Amino acid sequence: ANIIPWQLLANEVGAKVVAAPVTDE
């Protein structure tokens, strides 16, 4: 729910969703 709304919007305007990584912990 905190990914798809931003993807839909980004795809419509040509923007990009980037994700900060998670550590092994």
mmCIF file of all heavy atoms, coordinates in Angstrom:
data_MODEL
# 
_entry.id   MODEL 
# 
loop_
_atom_site.group_PDB 
_atom_site.id 
_atom_site.type_symbol 
_atom_site.label_atom_id 
_atom_site.label_alt_id 
_atom_site.label_comp_id 
_atom_site.label_asym_id 
_atom_site.label_entity_id 
_atom_site.label_seq_id 
_atom_site.pdbx_PDB_ins_code 
_atom_site.Cartn_x 
_atom_site.Cartn_y 
_atom_site.Cartn_z 
_atom_site.occupancy 
_atom_site.B_iso_or_equiv 
_atom_site.pdbx_formal_charge 
_atom_site.auth_seq_id 
_atom_site.auth_comp_id 
_atom_site.auth_asym_id 
_atom_site.auth_atom_id 
_atom_site.pdbx_PDB_model_num 
ATOM 1   N N   . ALA A 1 1  ? 0.820  -1.216 0.000   1.00 0.00 ? 1  ALA A N   1 
ATOM 2   C CA  . ALA A 1 1  ? 0.000  0.000  0.000   1.00 0.00 ? 1  ALA A CA  1 
ATOM 3   C C   . ALA A 1 1  ? 0.846  1.255  0.000   1.00 0.00 ? 1  ALA A C   1 
ATOM 4   O O   . ALA A 1 1  ? 0.352  2.337  -0.354  1.00 0.00 ? 1  ALA A O   1 
ATOM 5   C CB  . ALA A 1 1  ? -0.941 0.002  1.213   1.00 0.00 ? 1  ALA A CB  1 
ATOM 6   N N   . ASN A 1 2  ? 2.120  1.127  0.399   1.00 0.00 ? 2  ASN A N   1 
ATOM 7   C CA  . ASN A 1 2  ? 3.020  2.277  0.374   1.00 0.00 ? 2  ASN A CA  1 
ATOM 8   C C   . ASN A 1 2  ? 4.029  2.169  -0.768  1.00 0.00 ? 2  ASN A C   1 
ATOM 9   O O   . ASN A 1 2  ? 5.068  2.820  -0.748  1.00 0.00 ? 2  ASN A O   1 
ATOM 10  C CB  . ASN A 1 2  ? 3.756  2.406  1.714   1.00 0.00 ? 2  ASN A CB  1 
ATOM 11  C CG  . ASN A 1 2  ? 4.289  3.806  1.944   1.00 0.00 ? 2  ASN A CG  1 
ATOM 12  O OD1 . ASN A 1 2  ? 3.757  4.792  1.422   1.00 0.00 ? 2  ASN A OD1 1 
ATOM 13  N ND2 . ASN A 1 2  ? 5.359  3.913  2.717   1.00 0.00 ? 2  ASN A ND2 1 
ATOM 14  N N   . ILE A 1 3  ? 3.693  1.369  -1.740  1.00 0.00 ? 3  ILE A N   1 
ATOM 15  C CA  . ILE A 1 3  ? 4.512  1.255  -2.960  1.00 0.00 ? 3  ILE A CA  1 
ATOM 16  C C   . ILE A 1 3  ? 3.671  1.561  -4.193  1.00 0.00 ? 3  ILE A C   1 
ATOM 17  O O   . ILE A 1 3  ? 4.010  2.432  -5.005  1.00 0.00 ? 3  ILE A O   1 
ATOM 18  C CB  . ILE A 1 3  ? 5.115  -0.163 -3.090  1.00 0.00 ? 3  ILE A CB  1 
ATOM 19  C CG1 . ILE A 1 3  ? 6.037  -0.484 -1.910  1.00 0.00 ? 3  ILE A CG1 1 
ATOM 20  C CG2 . ILE A 1 3  ? 5.881  -0.288 -4.414  1.00 0.00 ? 3  ILE A CG2 1 
ATOM 21  C CD1 . ILE A 1 3  ? 6.556  -1.918 -1.902  1.00 0.00 ? 3  ILE A CD1 1 
ATOM 22  N N   . ILE A 1 4  ? 2.561  0.850  -4.326  1.00 0.00 ? 4  ILE A N   1 
ATOM 23  C CA  . ILE A 1 4  ? 1.789  0.898  -5.566  1.00 0.00 ? 4  ILE A CA  1 
ATOM 24  C C   . ILE A 1 4  ? 1.230  2.290  -5.881  1.00 0.00 ? 4  ILE A C   1 
ATOM 25  O O   . ILE A 1 4  ? 1.297  2.732  -7.041  1.00 0.00 ? 4  ILE A O   1 
ATOM 26  C CB  . ILE A 1 4  ? 0.669  -0.161 -5.536  1.00 0.00 ? 4  ILE A CB  1 
ATOM 27  C CG1 . ILE A 1 4  ? 1.290  -1.564 -5.431  1.00 0.00 ? 4  ILE A CG1 1 
ATOM 28  C CG2 . ILE A 1 4  ? -0.206 -0.083 -6.794  1.00 0.00 ? 4  ILE A CG2 1 
ATOM 29  C CD1 . ILE A 1 4  ? 0.305  -2.657 -5.110  1.00 0.00 ? 4  ILE A CD1 1 
ATOM 30  N N   . PRO A 1 5  ? 0.672  3.022  -4.907  1.00 0.00 ? 5  PRO A N   1 
ATOM 31  C CA  . PRO A 1 5  ? 0.170  4.365  -5.267  1.00 0.00 ? 5  PRO A CA  1 
ATOM 32  C C   . PRO A 1 5  ? 1.247  5.261  -5.861  1.00 0.00 ? 5  PRO A C   1 
ATOM 33  O O   . PRO A 1 5  ? 0.985  6.038  -6.791  1.00 0.00 ? 5  PRO A O   1 
ATOM 34  C CB  . PRO A 1 5  ? -0.342 4.917  -3.932  1.00 0.00 ? 5  PRO A CB  1 
ATOM 35  C CG  . PRO A 1 5  ? -0.686 3.706  -3.129  1.00 0.00 ? 5  PRO A CG  1 
ATOM 36  C CD  . PRO A 1 5  ? 0.358  2.698  -3.495  1.00 0.00 ? 5  PRO A CD  1 
ATOM 37  N N   . TRP A 1 6  ? 2.472  5.150  -5.335  1.00 0.00 ? 6  TRP A N   1 
ATOM 38  C CA  . TRP A 1 6  ? 3.570  5.974  -5.852  1.00 0.00 ? 6  TRP A CA  1 
ATOM 39  C C   . TRP A 1 6  ? 4.009  5.479  -7.225  1.00 0.00 ? 6  TRP A C   1 
ATOM 40  O O   . TRP A 1 6  ? 4.351  6.284  -8.101  1.00 0.00 ? 6  TRP A O   1 
ATOM 41  C CB  . TRP A 1 6  ? 4.741  5.945  -4.871  1.00 0.00 ? 6  TRP A CB  1 
ATOM 42  C CG  . TRP A 1 6  ? 4.325  6.233  -3.457  1.00 0.00 ? 6  TRP A CG  1 
ATOM 43  C CD1 . TRP A 1 6  ? 4.360  5.378  -2.401  1.00 0.00 ? 6  TRP A CD1 1 
ATOM 44  C CD2 . TRP A 1 6  ? 3.777  7.462  -2.954  1.00 0.00 ? 6  TRP A CD2 1 
ATOM 45  N NE1 . TRP A 1 6  ? 3.880  5.997  -1.267  1.00 0.00 ? 6  TRP A NE1 1 
ATOM 46  C CE2 . TRP A 1 6  ? 3.521  7.273  -1.579  1.00 0.00 ? 6  TRP A CE2 1 
ATOM 47  C CE3 . TRP A 1 6  ? 3.499  8.701  -3.535  1.00 0.00 ? 6  TRP A CE3 1 
ATOM 48  C CZ2 . TRP A 1 6  ? 2.975  8.279  -0.771  1.00 0.00 ? 6  TRP A CZ2 1 
ATOM 49  C CZ3 . TRP A 1 6  ? 2.957  9.702  -2.729  1.00 0.00 ? 6  TRP A CZ3 1 
ATOM 50  C CH2 . TRP A 1 6  ? 2.701  9.499  -1.373  1.00 0.00 ? 6  TRP A CH2 1 
ATOM 51  N N   . GLN A 1 7  ? 3.986  4.158  -7.431  1.00 0.00 ? 7  GLN A N   1 
ATOM 52  C CA  . GLN A 1 7  ? 4.330  3.614  -8.750  1.00 0.00 ? 7  GLN A CA  1 
ATOM 53  C C   . GLN A 1 7  ? 3.341  4.064  -9.816  1.00 0.00 ? 7  GLN A C   1 
ATOM 54  O O   . GLN A 1 7  ? 3.736  4.453  -10.918 1.00 0.00 ? 7  GLN A O   1 
ATOM 55  C CB  . GLN A 1 7  ? 4.349  2.086  -8.694  1.00 0.00 ? 7  GLN A CB  1 
ATOM 56  C CG  . GLN A 1 7  ? 5.596  1.474  -8.104  1.00 0.00 ? 7  GLN A CG  1 
ATOM 57  C CD  . GLN A 1 7  ? 5.571  -0.037 -8.183  1.00 0.00 ? 7  GLN A CD  1 
ATOM 58  O OE1 . GLN A 1 7  ? 4.505  -0.645 -8.232  1.00 0.00 ? 7  GLN A OE1 1 
ATOM 59  N NE2 . GLN A 1 7  ? 6.735  -0.659 -8.180  1.00 0.00 ? 7  GLN A NE2 1 
ATOM 60  N N   . LEU A 1 8  ? 2.056  3.983  -9.494  1.00 0.00 ? 8  LEU A N   1 
ATOM 61  C CA  . LEU A 1 8  ? 1.037  4.398  -10.457 1.00 0.00 ? 8  LEU A CA  1 
ATOM 62  C C   . LEU A 1 8  ? 1.247  5.844  -10.882 1.00 0.00 ? 8  LEU A C   1 
ATOM 63  O O   . LEU A 1 8  ? 1.185  6.178  -12.071 1.00 0.00 ? 8  LEU A O   1 
ATOM 64  C CB  . LEU A 1 8  ? -0.359 4.214  -9.859  1.00 0.00 ? 8  LEU A CB  1 
ATOM 65  C CG  . LEU A 1 8  ? -0.835 2.769  -9.637  1.00 0.00 ? 8  LEU A CG  1 
ATOM 66  C CD1 . LEU A 1 8  ? -2.154 2.757  -8.865  1.00 0.00 ? 8  LEU A CD1 1 
ATOM 67  C CD2 . LEU A 1 8  ? -1.002 2.063  -10.976 1.00 0.00 ? 8  LEU A CD2 1 
ATOM 68  N N   . LEU A 1 9  ? 1.496  6.697  -9.897  1.00 0.00 ? 9  LEU A N   1 
ATOM 69  C CA  . LEU A 1 9  ? 1.706  8.106  -10.194 1.00 0.00 ? 9  LEU A CA  1 
ATOM 70  C C   . LEU A 1 9  ? 2.989  8.310  -10.986 1.00 0.00 ? 9  LEU A C   1 
ATOM 71  O O   . LEU A 1 9  ? 3.009  9.050  -11.986 1.00 0.00 ? 9  LEU A O   1 
ATOM 72  C CB  . LEU A 1 9  ? 1.745  8.905  -8.886  1.00 0.00 ? 9  LEU A CB  1 
ATOM 73  C CG  . LEU A 1 9  ? 2.045  10.401 -8.998  1.00 0.00 ? 9  LEU A CG  1 
ATOM 74  C CD1 . LEU A 1 9  ? 1.027  11.089 -9.904  1.00 0.00 ? 9  LEU A CD1 1 
ATOM 75  C CD2 . LEU A 1 9  ? 2.058  11.041 -7.614  1.00 0.00 ? 9  LEU A CD2 1 
ATOM 76  N N   . ALA A 1 10 ? 4.066  7.664  -10.560 1.00 0.00 ? 10 ALA A N   1 
ATOM 77  C CA  . ALA A 1 10 ? 5.350  7.826  -11.241 1.00 0.00 ? 10 ALA A CA  1 
ATOM 78  C C   . ALA A 1 10 ? 5.260  7.373  -12.691 1.00 0.00 ? 10 ALA A C   1 
ATOM 79  O O   . ALA A 1 10 ? 5.795  8.024  -13.601 1.00 0.00 ? 10 ALA A O   1 
ATOM 80  C CB  . ALA A 1 10 ? 6.434  7.050  -10.500 1.00 0.00 ? 10 ALA A CB  1 
ATOM 81  N N   . ASN A 1 11 ? 4.577  6.263  -12.923 1.00 0.00 ? 11 ASN A N   1 
ATOM 82  C CA  . ASN A 1 11 ? 4.448  5.748  -14.288 1.00 0.00 ? 11 ASN A CA  1 
ATOM 83  C C   . ASN A 1 11 ? 3.678  6.704  -15.184 1.00 0.00 ? 11 ASN A C   1 
ATOM 84  O O   . ASN A 1 11 ? 3.965  6.829  -16.385 1.00 0.00 ? 11 ASN A O   1 
ATOM 85  C CB  . ASN A 1 11 ? 3.754  4.380  -14.268 1.00 0.00 ? 11 ASN A CB  1 
ATOM 86  C CG  . ASN A 1 11 ? 4.631  3.296  -13.668 1.00 0.00 ? 11 ASN A CG  1 
ATOM 87  O OD1 . ASN A 1 11 ? 5.851  3.438  -13.583 1.00 0.00 ? 11 ASN A OD1 1 
ATOM 88  N ND2 . ASN A 1 11 ? 4.007  2.218  -13.230 1.00 0.00 ? 11 ASN A ND2 1 
ATOM 89  N N   . GLU A 1 12 ? 2.704  7.396  -14.623 1.00 0.00 ? 12 GLU A N   1 
ATOM 90  C CA  . GLU A 1 12 ? 1.893  8.310  -15.411 1.00 0.00 ? 12 GLU A CA  1 
ATOM 91  C C   . GLU A 1 12 ? 2.662  9.545  -15.847 1.00 0.00 ? 12 GLU A C   1 
ATOM 92  O O   . GLU A 1 12 ? 2.422  10.080 -16.935 1.00 0.00 ? 12 GLU A O   1 
ATOM 93  C CB  . GLU A 1 12 ? 0.662  8.732  -14.608 1.00 0.00 ? 12 GLU A CB  1 
ATOM 94  C CG  . GLU A 1 12 ? -0.360 7.617  -14.419 1.00 0.00 ? 12 GLU A CG  1 
ATOM 95  C CD  . GLU A 1 12 ? -1.526 8.057  -13.554 1.00 0.00 ? 12 GLU A CD  1 
ATOM 96  O OE1 . GLU A 1 12 ? -1.629 9.272  -13.270 1.00 0.00 ? 12 GLU A OE1 1 
ATOM 97  O OE2 . GLU A 1 12 ? -2.321 7.190  -13.132 1.00 0.00 ? 12 GLU A OE2 1 
ATOM 98  N N   . VAL A 1 13 ? 3.586  10.004 -15.011 1.00 0.00 ? 13 VAL A N   1 
ATOM 99  C CA  . VAL A 1 13 ? 4.273  11.267 -15.329 1.00 0.00 ? 13 VAL A CA  1 
ATOM 100 C C   . VAL A 1 13 ? 5.719  11.059 -15.769 1.00 0.00 ? 13 VAL A C   1 
ATOM 101 O O   . VAL A 1 13 ? 6.413  12.029 -16.094 1.00 0.00 ? 13 VAL A O   1 
ATOM 102 C CB  . VAL A 1 13 ? 4.230  12.234 -14.120 1.00 0.00 ? 13 VAL A CB  1 
ATOM 103 C CG1 . VAL A 1 13 ? 2.796  12.501 -13.697 1.00 0.00 ? 13 VAL A CG1 1 
ATOM 104 C CG2 . VAL A 1 13 ? 5.049  11.703 -12.953 1.00 0.00 ? 13 VAL A CG2 1 
ATOM 105 N N   . GLY A 1 14 ? 6.194  9.813  -15.756 1.00 0.00 ? 14 GLY A N   1 
ATOM 106 C CA  . GLY A 1 14 ? 7.576  9.570  -16.157 1.00 0.00 ? 14 GLY A CA  1 
ATOM 107 C C   . GLY A 1 14 ? 8.571  9.767  -15.039 1.00 0.00 ? 14 GLY A C   1 
ATOM 108 O O   . GLY A 1 14 ? 9.767  9.996  -15.287 1.00 0.00 ? 14 GLY A O   1 
ATOM 109 N N   . ALA A 1 15 ? 8.110  9.689  -13.813 1.00 0.00 ? 15 ALA A N   1 
ATOM 110 C CA  . ALA A 1 15 ? 8.999  9.776  -12.666 1.00 0.00 ? 15 ALA A CA  1 
ATOM 111 C C   . ALA A 1 15 ? 9.486  8.380  -12.287 1.00 0.00 ? 15 ALA A C   1 
ATOM 112 O O   . ALA A 1 15 ? 9.180  7.391  -12.958 1.00 0.00 ? 15 ALA A O   1 
ATOM 113 C CB  . ALA A 1 15 ? 8.287  10.448 -11.488 1.00 0.00 ? 15 ALA A CB  1 
ATOM 114 N N   . LYS A 1 16 ? 10.233 8.270  -11.179 1.00 0.00 ? 16 LYS A N   1 
ATOM 115 C CA  . LYS A 1 16 ? 10.846 6.998  -10.802 1.00 0.00 ? 16 LYS A CA  1 
ATOM 116 C C   . LYS A 1 16 ? 10.708 6.770  -9.303  1.00 0.00 ? 16 LYS A C   1 
ATOM 117 O O   . LYS A 1 16 ? 10.888 7.691  -8.500  1.00 0.00 ? 16 LYS A O   1 
ATOM 118 C CB  . LYS A 1 16 ? 12.331 7.007  -11.203 1.00 0.00 ? 16 LYS A CB  1 
ATOM 119 C CG  . LYS A 1 16 ? 13.078 5.719  -10.902 1.00 0.00 ? 16 LYS A CG  1 
ATOM 120 C CD  . LYS A 1 16 ? 14.535 5.848  -11.317 1.00 0.00 ? 16 LYS A CD  1 
ATOM 121 C CE  . LYS A 1 16 ? 15.315 4.567  -11.022 1.00 0.00 ? 16 LYS A CE  1 
ATOM 122 N NZ  . LYS A 1 16 ? 16.761 4.721  -11.388 1.00 0.00 ? 16 LYS A NZ  1 
ATOM 123 N N   . VAL A 1 17 ? 10.388 5.540  -8.933  1.00 0.00 ? 17 VAL A N   1 
ATOM 124 C CA  . VAL A 1 17 ? 10.381 5.139  -7.524  1.00 0.00 ? 17 VAL A CA  1 
ATOM 125 C C   . VAL A 1 17 ? 11.706 4.457  -7.215  1.00 0.00 ? 17 VAL A C   1 
ATOM 126 O O   . VAL A 1 17 ? 12.124 3.533  -7.929  1.00 0.00 ? 17 VAL A O   1 
ATOM 127 C CB  . VAL A 1 17 ? 9.216  4.171  -7.224  1.00 0.00 ? 17 VAL A CB  1 
ATOM 128 C CG1 . VAL A 1 17 ? 9.341  3.581  -5.825  1.00 0.00 ? 17 VAL A CG1 1 
ATOM 129 C CG2 . VAL A 1 17 ? 7.881  4.891  -7.366  1.00 0.00 ? 17 VAL A CG2 1 
ATOM 130 N N   . VAL A 1 18 ? 12.395 4.915  -6.181  1.00 0.00 ? 18 VAL A N   1 
ATOM 131 C CA  . VAL A 1 18 ? 13.641 4.290  -5.748  1.00 0.00 ? 18 VAL A CA  1 
ATOM 132 C C   . VAL A 1 18 ? 13.468 3.818  -4.310  1.00 0.00 ? 18 VAL A C   1 
ATOM 133 O O   . VAL A 1 18 ? 12.698 4.399  -3.541  1.00 0.00 ? 18 VAL A O   1 
ATOM 134 C CB  . VAL A 1 18 ? 14.838 5.255  -5.865  1.00 0.00 ? 18 VAL A CB  1 
ATOM 135 C CG1 . VAL A 1 18 ? 15.082 5.632  -7.305  1.00 0.00 ? 18 VAL A CG1 1 
ATOM 136 C CG2 . VAL A 1 18 ? 14.605 6.511  -5.024  1.00 0.00 ? 18 VAL A CG2 1 
ATOM 137 N N   . ALA A 1 19 ? 14.171 2.755  -3.948  1.00 0.00 ? 19 ALA A N   1 
ATOM 138 C CA  . ALA A 1 19 ? 13.998 2.151  -2.626  1.00 0.00 ? 19 ALA A CA  1 
ATOM 139 C C   . ALA A 1 19 ? 15.335 2.042  -1.907  1.00 0.00 ? 19 ALA A C   1 
ATOM 140 O O   . ALA A 1 19 ? 16.297 1.488  -2.449  1.00 0.00 ? 19 ALA A O   1 
ATOM 141 C CB  . ALA A 1 19 ? 13.351 0.773  -2.747  1.00 0.00 ? 19 ALA A CB  1 
ATOM 142 N N   . ALA A 1 20 ? 15.389 2.544  -0.695  1.00 0.00 ? 20 ALA A N   1 
ATOM 143 C CA  . ALA A 1 20 ? 16.580 2.388  0.134   1.00 0.00 ? 20 ALA A CA  1 
ATOM 144 C C   . ALA A 1 20 ? 16.680 0.939  0.600   1.00 0.00 ? 20 ALA A C   1 
ATOM 145 O O   . ALA A 1 20 ? 15.676 0.322  0.954   1.00 0.00 ? 20 ALA A O   1 
ATOM 146 C CB  . ALA A 1 20 ? 16.507 3.315  1.339   1.00 0.00 ? 20 ALA A CB  1 
ATOM 147 N N   . PRO A 1 21 ? 17.869 0.371  0.600   1.00 0.00 ? 21 PRO A N   1 
ATOM 148 C CA  . PRO A 1 21 ? 18.026 -1.042 0.950   1.00 0.00 ? 21 PRO A CA  1 
ATOM 149 C C   . PRO A 1 21 ? 17.849 -1.312 2.441   1.00 0.00 ? 21 PRO A C   1 
ATOM 150 O O   . PRO A 1 21 ? 17.936 -0.410 3.278   1.00 0.00 ? 21 PRO A O   1 
ATOM 151 C CB  . PRO A 1 21 ? 19.454 -1.357 0.506   1.00 0.00 ? 21 PRO A CB  1 
ATOM 152 C CG  . PRO A 1 21 ? 20.169 -0.042 0.578   1.00 0.00 ? 21 PRO A CG  1 
ATOM 153 C CD  . PRO A 1 21 ? 19.151 0.996  0.196   1.00 0.00 ? 21 PRO A CD  1 
ATOM 154 N N   . VAL A 1 22 ? 17.607 -2.586 2.740   1.00 0.00 ? 22 VAL A N   1 
ATOM 155 C CA  . VAL A 1 22 ? 17.476 -3.084 4.105   1.00 0.00 ? 22 VAL A CA  1 
ATOM 156 C C   . VAL A 1 22 ? 18.664 -3.987 4.398   1.00 0.00 ? 22 VAL A C   1 
ATOM 157 O O   . VAL A 1 22 ? 19.080 -4.789 3.549   1.00 0.00 ? 22 VAL A O   1 
ATOM 158 C CB  . VAL A 1 22 ? 16.149 -3.856 4.273   1.00 0.00 ? 22 VAL A CB  1 
ATOM 159 C CG1 . VAL A 1 22 ? 16.097 -4.605 5.596   1.00 0.00 ? 22 VAL A CG1 1 
ATOM 160 C CG2 . VAL A 1 22 ? 14.974 -2.892 4.164   1.00 0.00 ? 22 VAL A CG2 1 
ATOM 161 N N   . THR A 1 23 ? 19.227 -3.874 5.589   1.00 0.00 ? 23 THR A N   1 
ATOM 162 C CA  . THR A 1 23 ? 20.386 -4.672 5.970   1.00 0.00 ? 23 THR A CA  1 
ATOM 163 C C   . THR A 1 23 ? 19.976 -6.107 6.283   1.00 0.00 ? 23 THR A C   1 
ATOM 164 O O   . THR A 1 23 ? 18.792 -6.432 6.414   1.00 0.00 ? 23 THR A O   1 
ATOM 165 C CB  . THR A 1 23 ? 21.076 -4.079 7.205   1.00 0.00 ? 23 THR A CB  1 
ATOM 166 O OG1 . THR A 1 23 ? 20.212 -4.232 8.346   1.00 0.00 ? 23 THR A OG1 1 
ATOM 167 C CG2 . THR A 1 23 ? 21.393 -2.599 6.999   1.00 0.00 ? 23 THR A CG2 1 
ATOM 168 N N   . ASP A 1 24 ? 20.976 -6.970 6.455   1.00 0.00 ? 24 ASP A N   1 
ATOM 169 C CA  . ASP A 1 24 ? 20.706 -8.359 6.820   1.00 0.00 ? 24 ASP A CA  1 
ATOM 170 C C   . ASP A 1 24 ? 19.994 -8.459 8.168   1.00 0.00 ? 24 ASP A C   1 
ATOM 171 O O   . ASP A 1 24 ? 19.262 -9.426 8.411   1.00 0.00 ? 24 ASP A O   1 
ATOM 172 C CB  . ASP A 1 24 ? 22.010 -9.160 6.886   1.00 0.00 ? 24 ASP A CB  1 
ATOM 173 C CG  . ASP A 1 24 ? 22.648 -9.363 5.515   1.00 0.00 ? 24 ASP A CG  1 
ATOM 174 O OD1 . ASP A 1 24 ? 21.932 -9.196 4.503   1.00 0.00 ? 24 ASP A OD1 1 
ATOM 175 O OD2 . ASP A 1 24 ? 23.850 -9.674 5.459   1.00 0.00 ? 24 ASP A OD2 1 
ATOM 176 N N   . GLU A 1 25 ? 20.197 -7.471 9.023   1.00 0.00 ? 25 GLU A N   1 
ATOM 177 C CA  . GLU A 1 25 ? 19.548 -7.469 10.338  1.00 0.00 ? 25 GLU A CA  1 
ATOM 178 C C   . GLU A 1 25 ? 18.097 -6.999 10.266  1.00 0.00 ? 25 GLU A C   1 
ATOM 179 O O   . GLU A 1 25 ? 17.362 -7.091 11.255  1.00 0.00 ? 25 GLU A O   1 
ATOM 180 C CB  . GLU A 1 25 ? 20.322 -6.572 11.315  1.00 0.00 ? 25 GLU A CB  1 
ATOM 181 C CG  . GLU A 1 25 ? 21.694 -7.096 11.712  1.00 0.00 ? 25 GLU A CG  1 
ATOM 182 C CD  . GLU A 1 25 ? 22.718 -6.886 10.604  1.00 0.00 ? 25 GLU A CD  1 
ATOM 183 O OE1 . GLU A 1 25 ? 22.519 -5.955 9.786   1.00 0.00 ? 25 GLU A OE1 1 
ATOM 184 O OE2 . GLU A 1 25 ? 23.689 -7.666 10.545  1.00 0.00 ? 25 GLU A OE2 1 
# 
